[in-house]
PDB file of all heavy atoms in Angstrom:
ATOM      1  N   TYR A   1      -5.208  -5.497 -18.327  1.00  0.00           N
ATOM      2  CA  TYR A   1      -6.005  -4.676 -17.455  1.00  0.00           C
ATOM      3  C   TYR A   1      -5.985  -5.312 -16.052  1.00  0.00           C
ATOM      4  O   TYR A   1      -6.415  -6.425 -15.888  1.00  0.00           O
ATOM      5  CB  TYR A   1      -7.462  -4.519 -17.967  1.00  0.00           C
ATOM      6  CG  TYR A   1      -7.468  -3.995 -19.396  1.00  0.00           C
ATOM      7  CD1 TYR A   1      -7.497  -4.893 -20.490  1.00  0.00           C
ATOM      8  CD2 TYR A   1      -7.456  -2.627 -19.619  1.00  0.00           C
ATOM      9  CE1 TYR A   1      -7.536  -4.415 -21.786  1.00  0.00           C
ATOM     10  CE2 TYR A   1      -7.470  -2.161 -20.934  1.00  0.00           C
ATOM     11  CZ  TYR A   1      -7.498  -3.032 -22.001  1.00  0.00           C
ATOM     12  OH  TYR A   1      -7.578  -2.599 -23.301  1.00  0.00           O
ATOM     13  N   ILE A   2      -5.553  -4.472 -15.098  1.00  0.00           N
ATOM     14  CA  ILE A   2      -5.499  -4.988 -13.684  1.00  0.00           C
ATOM     15  C   ILE A   2      -6.676  -4.310 -12.946  1.00  0.00           C
ATOM     16  O   ILE A   2      -6.946  -3.174 -13.085  1.00  0.00           O
ATOM     17  CB  ILE A   2      -4.143  -4.593 -13.033  1.00  0.00           C
ATOM     18  CG1 ILE A   2      -4.066  -5.250 -11.643  1.00  0.00           C
ATOM     19  CG2 ILE A   2      -3.904  -3.105 -13.020  1.00  0.00           C
ATOM     20  CD1 ILE A   2      -2.661  -5.095 -11.027  1.00  0.00           C
ATOM     21  N   HIS A   3      -7.307  -5.150 -12.039  1.00  0.00           N
ATOM     22  CA  HIS A   3      -8.328  -4.569 -11.170  1.00  0.00           C
ATOM     23  C   HIS A   3      -8.373  -5.446  -9.941  1.00  0.00           C
ATOM     24  O   HIS A   3      -7.917  -6.565  -9.915  1.00  0.00           O
ATOM     25  CB  HIS A   3      -9.688  -4.383 -11.887  1.00  0.00           C
ATOM     26  CG  HIS A   3     -10.333  -5.649 -12.265  1.00  0.00           C
ATOM     27  ND1 HIS A   3     -10.009  -6.419 -13.325  1.00  0.00           N
ATOM     28  CD2 HIS A   3     -11.435  -6.369 -11.686  1.00  0.00           C
ATOM     29  CE1 HIS A   3     -10.749  -7.503 -13.491  1.00  0.00           C
ATOM     30  NE2 HIS A   3     -11.573  -7.464 -12.477  1.00  0.00           N
ATOM     31  N   ARG A   4      -8.979  -4.913  -8.931  1.00  0.00           N
ATOM     32  CA  ARG A   4      -9.029  -5.676  -7.666  1.00  0.00           C
ATOM     33  C   ARG A   4     -10.435  -5.563  -7.088  1.00  0.00           C
ATOM     34  O   ARG A   4     -11.205  -4.585  -7.308  1.00  0.00           O
ATOM     35  CB  ARG A   4      -8.014  -5.143  -6.673  1.00  0.00           C
ATOM     36  CG  ARG A   4      -8.202  -3.666  -6.260  1.00  0.00           C
ATOM     37  CD  ARG A   4      -6.962  -3.161  -5.453  1.00  0.00           C
ATOM     38  NE  ARG A   4      -6.838  -3.744  -4.166  1.00  0.00           N
ATOM     39  CZ  ARG A   4      -5.795  -3.594  -3.370  1.00  0.00           C
ATOM     40  NH1 ARG A   4      -4.780  -2.858  -3.801  1.00  0.00           N
ATOM     41  NH2 ARG A   4      -5.765  -4.144  -2.177  1.00  0.00           N
ATOM     42  N   ASP A   5     -10.781  -6.637  -6.347  1.00  0.00           N
ATOM     43  CA  ASP A   5     -12.028  -6.709  -5.598  1.00  0.00           C
ATOM     44  C   ASP A   5     -11.595  -6.884  -4.141  1.00  0.00           C
ATOM     45  O   ASP A   5     -11.327  -7.948  -3.711  1.00  0.00           O
ATOM     46  CB  ASP A   5     -12.894  -7.897  -6.097  1.00  0.00           C
ATOM     47  CG  ASP A   5     -14.270  -7.912  -5.416  1.00  0.00           C
ATOM     48  OD1 ASP A   5     -14.363  -7.390  -4.374  1.00  0.00           O
ATOM     49  OD2 ASP A   5     -15.106  -8.616  -6.004  1.00  0.00           O
ATOM     50  N   ASN A   6     -11.649  -5.770  -3.406  1.00  0.00           N
ATOM     51  CA  ASN A   6     -11.205  -5.790  -2.016  1.00  0.00           C
ATOM     52  C   ASN A   6     -12.126  -6.640  -1.111  1.00  0.00           C
ATOM     53  O   ASN A   6     -11.638  -7.195  -0.126  1.00  0.00           O
ATOM     54  CB  ASN A   6     -11.037  -4.358  -1.489  1.00  0.00           C
ATOM     55  CG  ASN A   6      -9.904  -3.645  -2.037  1.00  0.00           C
ATOM     56  OD1 ASN A   6      -9.028  -4.286  -2.731  1.00  0.00           O
ATOM     57  ND2 ASN A   6      -9.851  -2.351  -1.874  1.00  0.00           N
ATOM     58  N   ALA A   7     -13.352  -6.742  -1.478  1.00  0.00           N
ATOM     59  CA  ALA A   7     -14.289  -7.579  -0.702  1.00  0.00           C
ATOM     60  C   ALA A   7     -13.856  -9.007  -0.750  1.00  0.00           C
ATOM     61  O   ALA A   7     -14.120  -9.777   0.206  1.00  0.00           O
ATOM     62  CB  ALA A   7     -15.706  -7.410  -1.132  1.00  0.00           C
ATOM     63  N   LYS A   8     -13.247  -9.407  -1.796  1.00  0.00           N
ATOM     64  CA  LYS A   8     -12.857 -10.809  -2.052  1.00  0.00           C
ATOM     65  C   LYS A   8     -11.321 -10.992  -1.856  1.00  0.00           C
ATOM     66  O   LYS A   8     -10.828 -12.097  -2.013  1.00  0.00           O
ATOM     67  CB  LYS A   8     -13.210 -11.270  -3.402  1.00  0.00           C
ATOM     68  CG  LYS A   8     -14.730 -11.330  -3.640  1.00  0.00           C
ATOM     69  CD  LYS A   8     -15.099 -11.796  -5.051  1.00  0.00           C
ATOM     70  CE  LYS A   8     -16.567 -11.866  -5.282  1.00  0.00           C
ATOM     71  NZ  LYS A   8     -16.869 -12.355  -6.595  1.00  0.00           N
ATOM     72  N   ASN A   9     -10.643  -9.856  -1.590  1.00  0.00           N
ATOM     73  CA  ASN A   9      -9.174  -9.911  -1.478  1.00  0.00           C
ATOM     74  C   ASN A   9      -8.515 -10.552  -2.701  1.00  0.00           C
ATOM     75  O   ASN A   9      -7.656 -11.349  -2.617  1.00  0.00           O
ATOM     76  CB  ASN A   9      -8.725 -10.664  -0.191  1.00  0.00           C
ATOM     77  CG  ASN A   9      -8.975  -9.873   1.018  1.00  0.00           C
ATOM     78  OD1 ASN A   9      -8.855  -8.644   1.083  1.00  0.00           O
ATOM     79  ND2 ASN A   9      -9.306 -10.534   2.130  1.00  0.00           N
ATOM     80  N   THR A  10      -8.995 -10.158  -3.860  1.00  0.00           N
ATOM     81  CA  THR A  10      -8.603 -10.709  -5.142  1.00  0.00           C
ATOM     82  C   THR A  10      -8.130  -9.622  -6.054  1.00  0.00           C
ATOM     83  O   THR A  10      -8.786  -8.581  -6.155  1.00  0.00           O
ATOM     84  CB  THR A  10      -9.712 -11.505  -5.687  1.00  0.00           C
ATOM     85  OG1 THR A  10     -10.074 -12.563  -4.802  1.00  0.00           O
ATOM     86  CG2 THR A  10      -9.336 -12.198  -7.032  1.00  0.00           C
ATOM     87  N   VAL A  11      -7.105  -9.906  -6.815  1.00  0.00           N
ATOM     88  CA  VAL A  11      -6.635  -9.052  -7.849  1.00  0.00           C
ATOM     89  C   VAL A  11      -6.674  -9.852  -9.185  1.00  0.00           C
ATOM     90  O   VAL A  11      -6.354 -11.030  -9.153  1.00  0.00           O
ATOM     91  CB  VAL A  11      -5.227  -8.455  -7.603  1.00  0.00           C
ATOM     92  CG1 VAL A  11      -4.151  -9.532  -7.493  1.00  0.00           C
ATOM     93  CG2 VAL A  11      -4.842  -7.422  -8.660  1.00  0.00           C
ATOM     94  N   TYR A  12      -6.993  -9.147 -10.243  1.00  0.00           N
ATOM     95  CA  TYR A  12      -7.118  -9.861 -11.547  1.00  0.00           C
ATOM     96  C   TYR A  12      -6.183  -9.220 -12.568  1.00  0.00           C
ATOM     97  O   TYR A  12      -5.855  -8.015 -12.441  1.00  0.00           O
ATOM     98  CB  TYR A  12      -8.523  -9.706 -12.061  1.00  0.00           C
ATOM     99  CG  TYR A  12      -9.630 -10.314 -11.146  1.00  0.00           C
ATOM    100  CD1 TYR A  12     -10.212  -9.465 -10.205  1.00  0.00           C
ATOM    101  CD2 TYR A  12      -9.996 -11.634 -11.131  1.00  0.00           C
ATOM    102  CE1 TYR A  12     -11.177  -9.930  -9.314  1.00  0.00           C
ATOM    103  CE2 TYR A  12     -10.985 -12.163 -10.352  1.00  0.00           C
ATOM    104  CZ  TYR A  12     -11.538 -11.248  -9.390  1.00  0.00           C
ATOM    105  OH  TYR A  12     -12.479 -11.799  -8.529  1.00  0.00           O
ATOM    106  N   LEU A  13      -5.793  -9.968 -13.552  1.00  0.00           N
ATOM    107  CA  LEU A  13      -5.155  -9.461 -14.681  1.00  0.00           C
ATOM    108  C   LEU A  13      -5.820  -9.992 -15.910  1.00  0.00           C
ATOM    109  O   LEU A  13      -5.665 -11.151 -16.236  1.00  0.00           O
ATOM    110  CB  LEU A  13      -3.677  -9.839 -14.685  1.00  0.00           C
ATOM    111  CG  LEU A  13      -2.810  -9.187 -15.773  1.00  0.00           C
ATOM    112  CD1 LEU A  13      -2.639  -7.718 -15.536  1.00  0.00           C
ATOM    113  CD2 LEU A  13      -1.387  -9.789 -15.898  1.00  0.00           C
ATOM    114  N   GLN A  14      -6.631  -9.106 -16.556  1.00  0.00           N
ATOM    115  CA  GLN A  14      -7.260  -9.471 -17.790  1.00  0.00           C
ATOM    116  C   GLN A  14      -6.285  -9.263 -18.984  1.00  0.00           C
ATOM    117  O   GLN A  14      -5.840  -8.089 -19.075  1.00  0.00           O
ATOM    118  CB  GLN A  14      -8.508  -8.687 -18.003  1.00  0.00           C
ATOM    119  CG  GLN A  14      -9.285  -9.042 -19.278  1.00  0.00           C
ATOM    120  CD  GLN A  14      -9.861 -10.399 -19.331  1.00  0.00           C
ATOM    121  OE1 GLN A  14     -10.573 -10.812 -18.433  1.00  0.00           O
ATOM    122  NE2 GLN A  14      -9.555 -11.122 -20.386  1.00  0.00           N
ATOM    123  N   MET A  15      -6.003 -10.228 -19.734  1.00  0.00           N
ATOM    124  CA  MET A  15      -5.044 -10.106 -20.801  1.00  0.00           C
ATOM    125  C   MET A  15      -5.796 -10.403 -22.145  1.00  0.00           C
ATOM    126  O   MET A  15      -6.394 -11.480 -22.263  1.00  0.00           O
ATOM    127  CB  MET A  15      -3.882 -11.105 -20.655  1.00  0.00           C
ATOM    128  CG  MET A  15      -3.163 -10.949 -19.320  1.00  0.00           C
ATOM    129  SD  MET A  15      -1.797 -12.095 -19.150  1.00  0.00           S
ATOM    130  CE  MET A  15      -2.683 -13.657 -19.103  1.00  0.00           C
ATOM    131  N   VAL A  16      -5.701  -9.476 -23.067  1.00  0.00           N
ATOM    132  CA  VAL A  16      -6.266  -9.632 -24.402  1.00  0.00           C
ATOM    133  C   VAL A  16      -5.229  -9.422 -25.477  1.00  0.00           C
ATOM    134  O   VAL A  16      -4.142  -8.893 -25.236  1.00  0.00           O
ATOM    135  CB  VAL A  16      -7.443  -8.692 -24.593  1.00  0.00           C
ATOM    136  CG1 VAL A  16      -8.533  -8.915 -23.528  1.00  0.00           C
ATOM    137  CG2 VAL A  16      -6.994  -7.219 -24.558  1.00  0.00           C
ATOM    138  N   ASN A  17      -5.492  -9.910 -26.686  1.00  0.00           N
ATOM    139  CA  ASN A  17      -4.579  -9.779 -27.818  1.00  0.00           C
ATOM    140  C   ASN A  17      -3.183 -10.247 -27.389  1.00  0.00           C
ATOM    141  O   ASN A  17      -2.200  -9.643 -27.641  1.00  0.00           O
ATOM    142  CB  ASN A  17      -4.536  -8.391 -28.305  1.00  0.00           C
ATOM    143  CG  ASN A  17      -3.823  -8.228 -29.607  1.00  0.00           C
ATOM    144  OD1 ASN A  17      -3.758  -9.187 -30.398  1.00  0.00           O
ATOM    145  ND2 ASN A  17      -3.301  -7.060 -29.893  1.00  0.00           N
ATOM    146  N   LEU A  18      -3.165 -11.440 -26.815  1.00  0.00           N
ATOM    147  CA  LEU A  18      -1.918 -12.016 -26.344  1.00  0.00           C
ATOM    148  C   LEU A  18      -0.916 -12.307 -27.504  1.00  0.00           C
ATOM    149  O   LEU A  18      -1.383 -12.664 -28.618  1.00  0.00           O
ATOM    150  CB  LEU A  18      -2.139 -13.289 -25.599  1.00  0.00           C
ATOM    151  CG  LEU A  18      -2.644 -13.043 -24.140  1.00  0.00           C
ATOM    152  CD1 LEU A  18      -3.351 -14.290 -23.618  1.00  0.00           C
ATOM    153  CD2 LEU A  18      -1.533 -12.599 -23.219  1.00  0.00           C
ATOM    154  N   LYS A  19       0.336 -12.142 -27.222  1.00  0.00           N
ATOM    155  CA  LYS A  19       1.391 -12.280 -28.223  1.00  0.00           C
ATOM    156  C   LYS A  19       2.346 -13.387 -27.709  1.00  0.00           C
ATOM    157  O   LYS A  19       2.410 -13.669 -26.462  1.00  0.00           O
ATOM    158  CB  LYS A  19       2.176 -11.039 -28.386  1.00  0.00           C
ATOM    159  CG  LYS A  19       1.341  -9.879 -28.805  1.00  0.00           C
ATOM    160  CD  LYS A  19       2.177  -8.558 -28.861  1.00  0.00           C
ATOM    161  CE  LYS A  19       1.343  -7.398 -29.262  1.00  0.00           C
ATOM    162  NZ  LYS A  19       2.164  -6.114 -29.304  1.00  0.00           N
ATOM    163  N   PRO A  20       3.059 -14.124 -28.603  1.00  0.00           N
ATOM    164  CA  PRO A  20       4.010 -15.085 -28.106  1.00  0.00           C
ATOM    165  C   PRO A  20       5.017 -14.540 -27.148  1.00  0.00           C
ATOM    166  O   PRO A  20       5.439 -15.268 -26.263  1.00  0.00           O
ATOM    167  CB  PRO A  20       4.732 -15.534 -29.460  1.00  0.00           C
ATOM    168  CG  PRO A  20       3.635 -15.326 -30.506  1.00  0.00           C
ATOM    169  CD  PRO A  20       2.922 -14.071 -30.068  1.00  0.00           C
ATOM    170  N   ASP A  21       5.415 -13.250 -27.279  1.00  0.00           N
ATOM    171  CA  ASP A  21       6.329 -12.654 -26.333  1.00  0.00           C
ATOM    172  C   ASP A  21       5.765 -12.535 -24.909  1.00  0.00           C
ATOM    173  O   ASP A  21       6.475 -12.241 -23.985  1.00  0.00           O
ATOM    174  CB  ASP A  21       6.846 -11.301 -26.806  1.00  0.00           C
ATOM    175  CG  ASP A  21       7.827 -11.391 -27.945  1.00  0.00           C
ATOM    176  OD1 ASP A  21       8.377 -12.473 -28.250  1.00  0.00           O
ATOM    177  OD2 ASP A  21       8.103 -10.367 -28.568  1.00  0.00           O
ATOM    178  N   ASP A  22       4.453 -12.708 -24.775  1.00  0.00           N
ATOM    179  CA  ASP A  22       3.832 -12.707 -23.447  1.00  0.00           C
ATOM    180  C   ASP A  22       4.097 -13.993 -22.710  1.00  0.00           C
ATOM    181  O   ASP A  22       3.652 -14.068 -21.520  1.00  0.00           O
ATOM    182  CB  ASP A  22       2.341 -12.400 -23.566  1.00  0.00           C
ATOM    183  CG  ASP A  22       2.034 -11.027 -24.127  1.00  0.00           C
ATOM    184  OD1 ASP A  22       2.732 -10.036 -23.700  1.00  0.00           O
ATOM    185  OD2 ASP A  22       1.090 -10.883 -24.900  1.00  0.00           O
ATOM    186  N   THR A  23       4.580 -14.976 -23.369  1.00  0.00           N
ATOM    187  CA  THR A  23       4.772 -16.308 -22.719  1.00  0.00           C
ATOM    188  C   THR A  23       5.755 -16.135 -21.533  1.00  0.00           C
ATOM    189  O   THR A  23       6.848 -15.636 -21.730  1.00  0.00           O
ATOM    190  CB  THR A  23       5.314 -17.252 -23.704  1.00  0.00           C
ATOM    191  OG1 THR A  23       4.400 -17.571 -24.721  1.00  0.00           O
ATOM    192  CG2 THR A  23       5.707 -18.577 -23.007  1.00  0.00           C
ATOM    193  N   ALA A  24       5.319 -16.496 -20.373  1.00  0.00           N
ATOM    194  CA  ALA A  24       6.089 -16.367 -19.189  1.00  0.00           C
ATOM    195  C   ALA A  24       5.314 -16.992 -17.986  1.00  0.00           C
ATOM    196  O   ALA A  24       4.164 -17.343 -18.107  1.00  0.00           O
ATOM    197  CB  ALA A  24       6.324 -14.915 -18.837  1.00  0.00           C
ATOM    198  N   VAL A  25       6.038 -17.110 -16.841  1.00  0.00           N
ATOM    199  CA  VAL A  25       5.375 -17.430 -15.624  1.00  0.00           C
ATOM    200  C   VAL A  25       4.942 -16.065 -15.043  1.00  0.00           C
ATOM    201  O   VAL A  25       5.799 -15.164 -14.927  1.00  0.00           O
ATOM    202  CB  VAL A  25       6.329 -18.127 -14.631  1.00  0.00           C
ATOM    203  CG1 VAL A  25       5.657 -18.342 -13.314  1.00  0.00           C
ATOM    204  CG2 VAL A  25       6.689 -19.521 -15.235  1.00  0.00           C
ATOM    205  N   TYR A  26       3.692 -15.991 -14.646  1.00  0.00           N
ATOM    206  CA  TYR A  26       3.157 -14.716 -14.123  1.00  0.00           C
ATOM    207  C   TYR A  26       3.052 -14.826 -12.574  1.00  0.00           C
ATOM    208  O   TYR A  26       2.457 -15.809 -12.109  1.00  0.00           O
ATOM    209  CB  TYR A  26       1.851 -14.359 -14.756  1.00  0.00           C
ATOM    210  CG  TYR A  26       1.986 -13.832 -16.135  1.00  0.00           C
ATOM    211  CD1 TYR A  26       2.381 -14.626 -17.224  1.00  0.00           C
ATOM    212  CD2 TYR A  26       1.759 -12.502 -16.401  1.00  0.00           C
ATOM    213  CE1 TYR A  26       2.547 -14.150 -18.479  1.00  0.00           C
ATOM    214  CE2 TYR A  26       1.949 -11.961 -17.676  1.00  0.00           C
ATOM    215  CZ  TYR A  26       2.285 -12.785 -18.698  1.00  0.00           C
ATOM    216  OH  TYR A  26       2.502 -12.255 -19.975  1.00  0.00           O
ATOM    217  N   TYR A  27       3.524 -13.860 -11.890  1.00  0.00           N
ATOM    218  CA  TYR A  27       3.512 -13.853 -10.485  1.00  0.00           C
ATOM    219  C   TYR A  27       2.662 -12.755  -9.941  1.00  0.00           C
ATOM    220  O   TYR A  27       2.790 -11.509 -10.336  1.00  0.00           O
ATOM    221  CB  TYR A  27       4.917 -13.680  -9.880  1.00  0.00           C
ATOM    222  CG  TYR A  27       5.839 -14.790 -10.289  1.00  0.00           C
ATOM    223  CD1 TYR A  27       6.647 -14.744 -11.381  1.00  0.00           C
ATOM    224  CD2 TYR A  27       5.972 -15.953  -9.483  1.00  0.00           C
ATOM    225  CE1 TYR A  27       7.501 -15.749 -11.715  1.00  0.00           C
ATOM    226  CE2 TYR A  27       6.845 -16.939  -9.769  1.00  0.00           C
ATOM    227  CZ  TYR A  27       7.617 -16.856 -10.910  1.00  0.00           C
ATOM    228  OH  TYR A  27       8.539 -17.885 -11.233  1.00  0.00           O
ATOM    229  N   CYS A  28       1.806 -13.040  -8.940  1.00  0.00           N
ATOM    230  CA  CYS A  28       1.089 -12.054  -8.235  1.00  0.00           C
ATOM    231  C   CYS A  28       1.968 -11.592  -7.074  1.00  0.00           C
ATOM    232  O   CYS A  28       2.669 -12.397  -6.426  1.00  0.00           O
ATOM    233  CB  CYS A  28      -0.207 -12.657  -7.656  1.00  0.00           C
ATOM    234  SG  CYS A  28      -1.192 -11.643  -6.660  1.00  0.00           S
TER     235      CYS A  28
END
């Protein structure tokens, strides 16, 4: 789930039920 807080100039990626195939370097 992606969401952003423009007041903080921040974007989030909430990740649940992670799988081994999700292993990676994540880039904003």
